Amino acid sequence: MALIVLASASGSPGVSTTALGLTLNWHRPVLLVDADPTGSSSVFAGYFHGTQEPTGGLINLALSLREGTLADALPRETLLLDPEAPAERSAWFLPGIRAHEQAPSLLPLWDPLTEQLRALERNGQDVIVDAGRLGLAGWPQPLIAASDLTLLVTRSSLPALAGATSWAKTLRTQFAGVGGLSRLGVLLVDEERRWPAMPTGARVRPYTARHIAKALQVPVVASVEWDPDVAEVYSHGARKPRKFESSGLLRGYRASAAAIESVLGANRAALAPTNGGHT
């Protein structure tokens, strides 16, 4: 089981859409946790198109924590995202708060919820967390600290990089303090295809993954090619456009899932004890 957190530093880089897209194109059973402290409820309003009756989600879990029934309550608060997906790729959703005023009430929940999410390993489930924007009231810092991989999601423009620089430094310091720099990366939402051709040397065009990794001093683990028409299937519940399954964005989600698994596998191998001829 792996706990993967997606978060943004500023603006709207597409964290929620990317987290949902990764979840629906994941290679194992997976649970998407909406831990965004803004209370946007984007999956209900967008992907479900307002047709799915929301559960209490995290707020109900916070109440169950006070009653000592968190473990029993967690399965009851999750919803199946895609009933047509095969069991080996089932995708579930744990709804977040409905309004930002509720975010501070979740602070006591994050640590015990982290333990419960870890316990999902018994079911063979991975967990993807949409942490929203970093630093807001009630943000899920314990989930980030306990993650197997935290990905700072950014677009490839100069304003996006300027906004990400400060938080990249903060996260580097936090992960380095516990010897966990390998658990930090960048997920790039590449806007290259949306920009017209510019004169040679003009720095209006989006930056490359190499430039971004150097500027943020954090490796770019994965990237997706932004396509608004395809993204709206996830973000707004839009009808699937022609050649949806073969679109660049879906290929990017699937490639990103594979790249994330590769990093997780390398990190596990690095942590595995070596026998060295001793028992």
C-alpha atoms as a PDB file:
ATOM      1  CA  MET A   1       0.000   0.000   0.000  1.00  0.00           C
ATOM      2  CA  ALA A   2       1.199   3.509  -0.782  1.00  0.00           C
ATOM      3  CA  LEU A   3       0.049   6.882   0.511  1.00  0.00           C
ATOM      4  CA  ILE A   4       0.501   9.546  -2.184  1.00  0.00           C
ATOM      5  CA  VAL A   5      -0.315  13.209  -1.556  1.00  0.00           C
ATOM      6  CA  LEU A   6      -0.876  15.859  -4.238  1.00  0.00           C
ATOM      7  CA  ALA A   7      -0.780  19.512  -3.206  1.00  0.00           C
ATOM      8  CA  SER A   8      -0.318  22.970  -4.715  1.00  0.00           C
ATOM      9  CA  ALA A   9       1.530  26.077  -3.618  1.00  0.00           C
ATOM     10  CA  SER A  10      -0.694  28.711  -5.200  1.00  0.00           C
ATOM     11  CA  GLY A  11      -3.211  29.386  -7.937  1.00  0.00           C
ATOM     12  CA  SER A  12      -5.173  26.598  -9.631  1.00  0.00           C
ATOM     13  CA  PRO A  13      -2.698  24.144 -11.152  1.00  0.00           C
ATOM     14  CA  GLY A  14      -5.280  21.363 -11.404  1.00  0.00           C
ATOM     15  CA  VAL A  15      -4.589  19.351  -8.236  1.00  0.00           C
ATOM     16  CA  SER A  16      -8.149  18.029  -7.855  1.00  0.00           C
ATOM     17  CA  THR A  17      -8.526  17.113 -11.532  1.00  0.00           C
ATOM     18  CA  THR A  18      -5.103  15.466 -11.582  1.00  0.00           C
ATOM     19  CA  ALA A  19      -5.762  13.528  -8.364  1.00  0.00           C
ATOM     20  CA  LEU A  20      -9.074  12.260  -9.769  1.00  0.00           C
ATOM     21  CA  GLY A  21      -7.527  11.467 -13.150  1.00  0.00           C
ATOM     22  CA  LEU A  22      -4.727   9.473 -11.507  1.00  0.00           C
ATOM     23  CA  THR A  23      -7.231   7.630  -9.313  1.00  0.00           C
ATOM     24  CA  LEU A  24      -9.414   6.584 -12.247  1.00  0.00           C
ATOM     25  CA  ASN A  25      -6.367   5.423 -14.210  1.00  0.00           C
ATOM     26  CA  TRP A  26      -4.566   3.718 -11.318  1.00  0.00           C
ATOM     27  CA  HIS A  27      -3.265   0.166 -11.666  1.00  0.00           C
ATOM     28  CA  ARG A  28      -4.540  -1.230  -8.336  1.00  0.00           C
ATOM     29  CA  PRO A  29      -7.505  -0.691  -6.008  1.00  0.00           C
ATOM     30  CA  VAL A  30      -7.252   2.879  -4.757  1.00  0.00           C
ATOM     31  CA  LEU A  31      -9.000   5.350  -2.471  1.00  0.00           C
ATOM     32  CA  LEU A  32      -9.109   9.069  -3.297  1.00  0.00           C
ATOM     33  CA  VAL A  33      -9.288  11.273  -0.182  1.00  0.00           C
ATOM     34  CA  ASP A  34     -10.543  14.831  -0.596  1.00  0.00           C
ATOM     35  CA  ALA A  35      -8.520  16.657   2.069  1.00  0.00           C
ATOM     36  CA  ASP A  36      -8.733  20.061   0.372  1.00  0.00           C
ATOM     37  CA  PRO A  37      -9.339  22.615   3.179  1.00  0.00           C
ATOM     38  CA  THR A  38     -11.250  24.975   0.869  1.00  0.00           C
ATOM     39  CA  GLY A  39     -14.316  22.738   0.917  1.00  0.00           C
ATOM     40  CA  SER A  40     -14.775  22.903  -2.838  1.00  0.00           C
ATOM     41  CA  SER A  41     -16.525  19.496  -3.170  1.00  0.00           C
ATOM     42  CA  SER A  42     -15.254  19.420  -6.750  1.00  0.00           C
ATOM     43  CA  VAL A  43     -15.890  15.702  -7.294  1.00  0.00           C
ATOM     44  CA  PHE A  44     -19.572  15.993  -6.361  1.00  0.00           C
ATOM     45  CA  ALA A  45     -20.150  19.190  -8.331  1.00  0.00           C
ATOM     46  CA  GLY A  46     -17.919  18.196 -11.249  1.00  0.00           C
ATOM     47  CA  TYR A  47     -17.319  14.513 -11.904  1.00  0.00           C
ATOM     48  CA  PHE A  48     -20.638  13.364 -10.374  1.00  0.00           C
ATOM     49  CA  HIS A  49     -22.358  16.351 -11.969  1.00  0.00           C
ATOM     50  CA  GLY A  50     -24.493  16.879  -8.886  1.00  0.00           C
ATOM     51  CA  THR A  51     -26.229  13.499  -9.310  1.00  0.00           C
ATOM     52  CA  GLN A  52     -24.586  11.710  -6.377  1.00  0.00           C
ATOM     53  CA  GLU A  53     -25.958  12.234  -2.888  1.00  0.00           C
ATOM     54  CA  PRO A  54     -22.960  13.299  -0.786  1.00  0.00           C
ATOM     55  CA  THR A  55     -22.019  11.545   2.441  1.00  0.00           C
ATOM     56  CA  GLY A  56     -20.716  13.370   5.472  1.00  0.00           C
ATOM     57  CA  GLY A  57     -17.230  12.170   4.616  1.00  0.00           C
ATOM     58  CA  LEU A  58     -14.461  13.643   6.749  1.00  0.00           C
ATOM     59  CA  ILE A  59     -16.869  15.514   9.021  1.00  0.00           C
ATOM     60  CA  ASN A  60     -18.602  12.251   9.933  1.00  0.00           C
ATOM     61  CA  LEU A  61     -15.194  10.684  10.539  1.00  0.00           C
ATOM     62  CA  ALA A  62     -14.272  13.533  12.872  1.00  0.00           C
ATOM     63  CA  LEU A  63     -17.451  12.820  14.841  1.00  0.00           C
ATOM     64  CA  SER A  64     -16.759   9.084  14.884  1.00  0.00           C
ATOM     65  CA  LEU A  65     -13.251   9.783  16.214  1.00  0.00           C
ATOM     66  CA  ARG A  66     -14.781  11.384  19.306  1.00  0.00           C
ATOM     67  CA  GLU A  67     -16.945   8.285  19.764  1.00  0.00           C
ATOM     68  CA  GLY A  68     -14.024   5.888  19.263  1.00  0.00           C
ATOM     69  CA  THR A  69     -15.515   4.309  16.123  1.00  0.00           C
ATOM     70  CA  LEU A  70     -13.248   5.714  13.400  1.00  0.00           C
ATOM     71  CA  ALA A  71     -12.178   2.342  11.994  1.00  0.00           C
ATOM     72  CA  ASP A  72     -15.779   1.182  11.583  1.00  0.00           C
ATOM     73  CA  ALA A  73     -16.936   4.499  10.122  1.00  0.00           C
ATOM     74  CA  LEU A  74     -14.311   4.822   7.380  1.00  0.00           C
ATOM     75  CA  PRO A  75     -15.789   2.229   4.960  1.00  0.00           C
ATOM     76  CA  ARG A  76     -19.276   3.677   5.390  1.00  0.00           C
ATOM     77  CA  GLU A  77     -18.130   7.106   4.248  1.00  0.00           C
ATOM     78  CA  THR A  78     -16.551   6.003   0.955  1.00  0.00           C
ATOM     79  CA  LEU A  79     -18.236   5.955  -2.459  1.00  0.00           C
ATOM     80  CA  LEU A  80     -17.448   3.955  -5.576  1.00  0.00           C
ATOM     81  CA  LEU A  81     -16.204   6.283  -8.322  1.00  0.00           C
ATOM     82  CA  ASP A  82     -16.562   3.985 -11.319  1.00  0.00           C
ATOM     83  CA  PRO A  83     -18.946   1.020 -10.930  1.00  0.00           C
ATOM     84  CA  GLU A  84     -17.818  -0.356 -14.307  1.00  0.00           C
ATOM     85  CA  ALA A  85     -14.142  -0.667 -13.353  1.00  0.00           C
ATOM     86  CA  PRO A  86     -12.855  -4.210 -12.704  1.00  0.00           C
ATOM     87  CA  ALA A  87     -12.329  -5.187  -9.062  1.00  0.00           C
ATOM     88  CA  GLU A  88      -8.550  -5.180  -9.448  1.00  0.00           C
ATOM     89  CA  ARG A  89      -8.738  -1.491 -10.386  1.00  0.00           C
ATOM     90  CA  SER A  90     -11.643  -0.376  -8.211  1.00  0.00           C
ATOM     91  CA  ALA A  91     -11.571   3.325  -7.314  1.00  0.00           C
ATOM     92  CA  TRP A  92     -13.237   4.715  -4.191  1.00  0.00           C
ATOM     93  CA  PHE A  93     -13.750   8.237  -2.903  1.00  0.00           C
ATOM     94  CA  LEU A  94     -13.751   9.696   0.610  1.00  0.00           C
ATOM     95  CA  PRO A  95     -15.510  13.095   0.440  1.00  0.00           C
ATOM     96  CA  GLY A  96     -14.105  16.147   2.141  1.00  0.00           C
ATOM     97  CA  ILE A  97     -15.700  19.101   3.855  1.00  0.00           C
ATOM     98  CA  ARG A  98     -18.464  21.146   2.268  1.00  0.00           C
ATOM     99  CA  ALA A  99     -17.288  24.592   3.482  1.00  0.00           C
ATOM    100  CA  HIS A 100     -13.921  26.031   4.448  1.00  0.00           C
ATOM    101  CA  GLU A 101     -15.190  26.953   7.932  1.00  0.00           C
ATOM    102  CA  GLN A 102     -15.221  23.233   8.739  1.00  0.00           C
ATOM    103  CA  ALA A 103     -11.490  22.780   8.045  1.00  0.00           C
ATOM    104  CA  PRO A 104     -10.142  23.566  11.561  1.00  0.00           C
ATOM    105  CA  SER A 105     -12.395  20.866  13.033  1.00  0.00           C
ATOM    106  CA  LEU A 106     -10.415  18.260  11.072  1.00  0.00           C
ATOM    107  CA  LEU A 107      -7.087  18.969  12.787  1.00  0.00           C
ATOM    108  CA  PRO A 108      -7.548  16.256  15.476  1.00  0.00           C
ATOM    109  CA  LEU A 109      -8.551  13.777  12.740  1.00  0.00           C
ATOM    110  CA  TRP A 110      -5.463  13.797  10.543  1.00  0.00           C
ATOM    111  CA  ASP A 111      -3.112  11.672  12.681  1.00  0.00           C
ATOM    112  CA  PRO A 112      -5.597   8.873  13.527  1.00  0.00           C
ATOM    113  CA  LEU A 113      -6.949   8.930   9.964  1.00  0.00           C
ATOM    114  CA  THR A 114      -3.413   8.420   8.690  1.00  0.00           C
ATOM    115  CA  GLU A 115      -3.202   5.230  10.773  1.00  0.00           C
ATOM    116  CA  GLN A 116      -6.516   4.003   9.352  1.00  0.00           C
ATOM    117  CA  LEU A 117      -5.441   4.730   5.788  1.00  0.00           C
ATOM    118  CA  ARG A 118      -2.258   2.758   6.413  1.00  0.00           C
ATOM    119  CA  ALA A 119      -4.408  -0.149   7.550  1.00  0.00           C
ATOM    120  CA  LEU A 120      -5.980  -0.314   4.074  1.00  0.00           C
ATOM    121  CA  GLU A 121      -2.932  -2.315   3.060  1.00  0.00           C
ATOM    122  CA  ARG A 122      -4.872  -5.365   4.258  1.00  0.00           C
ATOM    123  CA  ASN A 123      -7.278  -4.716   1.371  1.00  0.00           C
ATOM    124  CA  GLY A 124      -4.475  -4.109  -1.115  1.00  0.00           C
ATOM    125  CA  GLN A 125      -5.564  -0.480  -1.551  1.00  0.00           C
ATOM    126  CA  ASP A 126      -3.381   2.500  -2.316  1.00  0.00           C
ATOM    127  CA  VAL A 127      -4.433   5.983  -1.201  1.00  0.00           C
ATOM    128  CA  ILE A 128      -4.229   9.218  -3.209  1.00  0.00           C
ATOM    129  CA  VAL A 129      -4.829  12.403  -1.227  1.00  0.00           C
ATOM    130  CA  ASP A 130      -5.962  15.699  -2.741  1.00  0.00           C
ATOM    131  CA  ALA A 131      -4.477  18.087  -0.159  1.00  0.00           C
ATOM    132  CA  GLY A 132      -5.440  21.232  -2.063  1.00  0.00           C
ATOM    133  CA  ARG A 133      -3.445  24.358  -1.381  1.00  0.00           C
ATOM    134  CA  LEU A 134      -0.696  24.161   1.211  1.00  0.00           C
ATOM    135  CA  GLY A 135      -0.769  26.203   4.406  1.00  0.00           C
ATOM    136  CA  LEU A 136      -4.486  26.969   4.641  1.00  0.00           C
ATOM    137  CA  ALA A 137      -6.348  26.601   7.931  1.00  0.00           C
ATOM    138  CA  GLY A 138      -6.917  22.919   8.648  1.00  0.00           C
ATOM    139  CA  TRP A 139      -4.539  21.677   5.936  1.00  0.00           C
ATOM    140  CA  PRO A 140      -3.586  17.968   6.259  1.00  0.00           C
ATOM    141  CA  GLN A 141       0.057  18.407   7.230  1.00  0.00           C
ATOM    142  CA  PRO A 142       0.222  15.028   9.064  1.00  0.00           C
ATOM    143  CA  LEU A 143      -0.808  13.215   5.875  1.00  0.00           C
ATOM    144  CA  ILE A 144       2.010  14.939   4.008  1.00  0.00           C
ATOM    145  CA  ALA A 145       4.539  14.074   6.730  1.00  0.00           C
ATOM    146  CA  ALA A 146       3.463  10.417   6.701  1.00  0.00           C
ATOM    147  CA  SER A 147       3.224  10.065   2.918  1.00  0.00           C
ATOM    148  CA  ASP A 148       5.261   7.641   0.864  1.00  0.00           C
ATOM    149  CA  LEU A 149       5.390  10.337  -1.810  1.00  0.00           C
ATOM    150  CA  THR A 150       4.256  13.963  -1.794  1.00  0.00           C
ATOM    151  CA  LEU A 151       3.957  15.652  -5.180  1.00  0.00           C
ATOM    152  CA  LEU A 152       3.919  19.426  -5.503  1.00  0.00           C
ATOM    153  CA  VAL A 153       1.654  20.061  -8.484  1.00  0.00           C
ATOM    154  CA  THR A 154       2.579  23.028 -10.645  1.00  0.00           C
ATOM    155  CA  ARG A 155       1.978  24.309 -14.121  1.00  0.00           C
ATOM    156  CA  SER A 156       4.903  25.128 -16.351  1.00  0.00           C
ATOM    157  CA  SER A 157       4.613  28.926 -16.589  1.00  0.00           C
ATOM    158  CA  LEU A 158       6.859  31.452 -14.842  1.00  0.00           C
ATOM    159  CA  PRO A 159       4.072  32.723 -12.516  1.00  0.00           C
ATOM    160  CA  ALA A 160       3.367  29.137 -11.448  1.00  0.00           C
ATOM    161  CA  LEU A 161       7.041  28.499 -10.694  1.00  0.00           C
ATOM    162  CA  ALA A 162       7.330  31.754  -8.782  1.00  0.00           C
ATOM    163  CA  GLY A 163       4.418  30.642  -6.615  1.00  0.00           C
ATOM    164  CA  ALA A 164       5.868  27.168  -6.054  1.00  0.00           C
ATOM    165  CA  THR A 165       9.407  28.200  -5.135  1.00  0.00           C
ATOM    166  CA  SER A 166       8.773  29.127  -1.498  1.00  0.00           C
ATOM    167  CA  TRP A 167       6.793  25.994  -0.688  1.00  0.00           C
ATOM    168  CA  ALA A 168       9.295  23.800  -2.514  1.00  0.00           C
ATOM    169  CA  LYS A 169      11.971  25.148  -0.155  1.00  0.00           C
ATOM    170  CA  THR A 170       9.761  24.551   2.899  1.00  0.00           C
ATOM    171  CA  LEU A 171       8.955  20.989   1.868  1.00  0.00           C
ATOM    172  CA  ARG A 172      12.601  20.245   1.074  1.00  0.00           C
ATOM    173  CA  THR A 173      13.560  21.357   4.575  1.00  0.00           C
ATOM    174  CA  GLN A 174      10.815  19.287   6.213  1.00  0.00           C
ATOM    175  CA  PHE A 175      11.565  16.092   4.305  1.00  0.00           C
ATOM    176  CA  ALA A 176      15.334  16.497   4.593  1.00  0.00           C
ATOM    177  CA  GLY A 177      14.919  16.834   8.373  1.00  0.00           C
ATOM    178  CA  VAL A 178      13.644  13.249   8.553  1.00  0.00           C
ATOM    179  CA  GLY A 179      15.900  11.876   5.825  1.00  0.00           C
ATOM    180  CA  GLY A 180      13.011  11.677   3.397  1.00  0.00           C
ATOM    181  CA  LEU A 181      13.947  13.841   0.412  1.00  0.00           C
ATOM    182  CA  SER A 182      13.298  10.871  -1.872  1.00  0.00           C
ATOM    183  CA  ARG A 183       9.629  11.103  -0.806  1.00  0.00           C
ATOM    184  CA  LEU A 184       9.244  14.546  -2.380  1.00  0.00           C
ATOM    185  CA  GLY A 185       8.697  15.312  -6.042  1.00  0.00           C
ATOM    186  CA  VAL A 186       6.969  17.540  -8.569  1.00  0.00           C
ATOM    187  CA  LEU A 187       4.063  16.638 -10.812  1.00  0.00           C
ATOM    188  CA  LEU A 188       4.105  18.959 -13.801  1.00  0.00           C
ATOM    189  CA  VAL A 189       0.935  20.023 -15.594  1.00  0.00           C
ATOM    190  CA  ASP A 190       2.543  20.872 -18.925  1.00  0.00           C
ATOM    191  CA  GLU A 191       0.858  23.660 -20.873  1.00  0.00           C
ATOM    192  CA  GLU A 192       3.247  23.547 -23.850  1.00  0.00           C
ATOM    193  CA  ARG A 193       0.630  22.551 -26.439  1.00  0.00           C
ATOM    194  CA  ARG A 194      -1.585  25.529 -25.536  1.00  0.00           C
ATOM    195  CA  TRP A 195       1.014  28.151 -26.441  1.00  0.00           C
ATOM    196  CA  PRO A 196       1.567  29.533 -29.951  1.00  0.00           C
ATOM    197  CA  ALA A 197       4.969  29.462 -31.532  1.00  0.00           C
ATOM    198  CA  MET A 198       7.175  32.289 -30.210  1.00  0.00           C
ATOM    199  CA  PRO A 199      10.353  33.882 -31.560  1.00  0.00           C
ATOM    200  CA  THR A 200      13.550  32.068 -30.721  1.00  0.00           C
ATOM    201  CA  GLY A 201      14.774  33.068 -27.273  1.00  0.00           C
ATOM    202  CA  ALA A 202      11.417  34.474 -26.104  1.00  0.00           C
ATOM    203  CA  ARG A 203      10.785  33.321 -22.541  1.00  0.00           C
ATOM    204  CA  VAL A 204       7.025  33.411 -22.713  1.00  0.00           C
ATOM    205  CA  ARG A 205       6.745  29.721 -23.454  1.00  0.00           C
ATOM    206  CA  PRO A 206       6.337  27.279 -20.550  1.00  0.00           C
ATOM    207  CA  TYR A 207       9.447  25.926 -18.884  1.00  0.00           C
ATOM    208  CA  THR A 208      10.672  22.375 -19.388  1.00  0.00           C
ATOM    209  CA  ALA A 209      10.783  19.684 -16.720  1.00  0.00           C
ATOM    210  CA  ARG A 210      14.564  20.102 -16.515  1.00  0.00           C
ATOM    211  CA  HIS A 211      14.266  23.836 -15.890  1.00  0.00           C
ATOM    212  CA  ILE A 212      11.554  23.280 -13.278  1.00  0.00           C
ATOM    213  CA  ALA A 213      13.505  20.613 -11.382  1.00  0.00           C
ATOM    214  CA  LYS A 214      16.529  22.909 -11.290  1.00  0.00           C
ATOM    215  CA  ALA A 215      14.521  25.962 -10.184  1.00  0.00           C
ATOM    216  CA  LEU A 216      12.634  24.144  -7.425  1.00  0.00           C
ATOM    217  CA  GLN A 217      15.496  21.773  -6.510  1.00  0.00           C
ATOM    218  CA  VAL A 218      12.946  18.975  -6.496  1.00  0.00           C
ATOM    219  CA  PRO A 219      12.833  16.212  -9.136  1.00  0.00           C
ATOM    220  CA  VAL A 220       9.964  16.150 -11.609  1.00  0.00           C
ATOM    221  CA  VAL A 221       8.531  12.689 -11.018  1.00  0.00           C
ATOM    222  CA  ALA A 222       5.759  12.867 -13.609  1.00  0.00           C
ATOM    223  CA  SER A 223       4.042  15.213 -16.031  1.00  0.00           C
ATOM    224  CA  VAL A 224       0.712  15.377 -17.820  1.00  0.00           C
ATOM    225  CA  GLU A 225      -0.078  17.159 -21.053  1.00  0.00           C
ATOM    226  CA  TRP A 226      -2.921  19.534 -20.238  1.00  0.00           C
ATOM    227  CA  ASP A 227      -5.975  19.189 -22.468  1.00  0.00           C
ATOM    228  CA  PRO A 228      -8.995  21.222 -21.260  1.00  0.00           C
ATOM    229  CA  ASP A 229     -11.542  19.272 -23.324  1.00  0.00           C
ATOM    230  CA  VAL A 230     -10.450  15.960 -21.823  1.00  0.00           C
ATOM    231  CA  ALA A 231      -9.906  17.391 -18.335  1.00  0.00           C
ATOM    232  CA  GLU A 232     -13.511  18.605 -18.209  1.00  0.00           C
ATOM    233  CA  VAL A 233     -14.717  14.994 -18.169  1.00  0.00           C
ATOM    234  CA  TYR A 234     -13.210  14.824 -14.678  1.00  0.00           C
ATOM    235  CA  SER A 235     -13.561  18.421 -13.539  1.00  0.00           C
ATOM    236  CA  HIS A 236     -17.078  19.154 -14.869  1.00  0.00           C
ATOM    237  CA  GLY A 237     -18.621  15.775 -15.660  1.00  0.00           C
ATOM    238  CA  ALA A 238     -18.520  16.618 -19.370  1.00  0.00           C
ATOM    239  CA  ARG A 239     -19.286  14.061 -22.063  1.00  0.00           C
ATOM    240  CA  LYS A 240     -16.214  12.137 -23.180  1.00  0.00           C
ATOM    241  CA  PRO A 241     -14.804  13.658 -26.366  1.00  0.00           C
ATOM    242  CA  ARG A 242     -13.805  11.604 -29.385  1.00  0.00           C
ATOM    243  CA  LYS A 243     -10.697   9.461 -28.779  1.00  0.00           C
ATOM    244  CA  PHE A 244     -10.920  10.122 -25.038  1.00  0.00           C
ATOM    245  CA  GLU A 245      -9.179   6.879 -24.075  1.00  0.00           C
ATOM    246  CA  SER A 246      -6.229   7.582 -26.367  1.00  0.00           C
ATOM    247  CA  SER A 247      -5.914  11.283 -25.490  1.00  0.00           C
ATOM    248  CA  GLY A 248      -2.616  12.751 -24.389  1.00  0.00           C
ATOM    249  CA  LEU A 249      -4.002  13.620 -20.969  1.00  0.00           C
ATOM    250  CA  LEU A 250      -5.072  10.046 -20.197  1.00  0.00           C
ATOM    251  CA  ARG A 251      -1.782   8.726 -21.510  1.00  0.00           C
ATOM    252  CA  GLY A 252      -0.140  11.211 -19.153  1.00  0.00           C
ATOM    253  CA  TYR A 253      -2.147   9.983 -16.168  1.00  0.00           C
ATOM    254  CA  ARG A 254      -1.231   6.379 -16.920  1.00  0.00           C
ATOM    255  CA  ALA A 255       2.429   7.206 -17.486  1.00  0.00           C
ATOM    256  CA  SER A 256       2.421   9.260 -14.278  1.00  0.00           C
ATOM    257  CA  ALA A 257       0.977   6.323 -12.346  1.00  0.00           C
ATOM    258  CA  ALA A 258       3.790   4.121 -13.662  1.00  0.00           C
ATOM    259  CA  ALA A 259       6.430   6.761 -12.853  1.00  0.00           C
ATOM    260  CA  ILE A 260       5.069   7.168  -9.319  1.00  0.00           C
ATOM    261  CA  GLU A 261       5.161   3.402  -8.792  1.00  0.00           C
ATOM    262  CA  SER A 262       8.758   3.365 -10.031  1.00  0.00           C
ATOM    263  CA  VAL A 263       9.786   5.985  -7.458  1.00  0.00           C
ATOM    264  CA  LEU A 264       7.920   4.166  -4.692  1.00  0.00           C
ATOM    265  CA  GLY A 265       9.599   0.903  -5.650  1.00  0.00           C
ATOM    266  CA  ALA A 266      13.051   2.515  -5.625  1.00  0.00           C
ATOM    267  CA  ASN A 267      12.377   4.041  -2.212  1.00  0.00           C
ATOM    268  CA  ARG A 268      11.215   0.695  -0.814  1.00  0.00           C
ATOM    269  CA  ALA A 269      14.326  -1.015  -2.173  1.00  0.00           C
ATOM    270  CA  ALA A 270      16.554   1.631  -0.590  1.00  0.00           C
ATOM    271  CA  LEU A 271      14.898   1.092   2.796  1.00  0.00           C
ATOM    272  CA  ALA A 272      14.951  -2.712   2.653  1.00  0.00           C
ATOM    273  CA  PRO A 273      17.470  -4.197   5.088  1.00  0.00           C
ATOM    274  CA  THR A 274      20.423  -5.945   3.515  1.00  0.00           C
ATOM    275  CA  ASN A 275      21.278  -9.382   4.789  1.00  0.00           C
ATOM    276  CA  GLY A 276      25.008  -9.027   4.377  1.00  0.00           C
ATOM    277  CA  GLY A 277      25.428 -12.686   5.237  1.00  0.00           C
ATOM    278  CA  HIS A 278      23.816 -12.296   8.675  1.00  0.00           C
ATOM    279  CA  THR A 279      20.442 -13.486   9.907  1.00  0.00           C
END
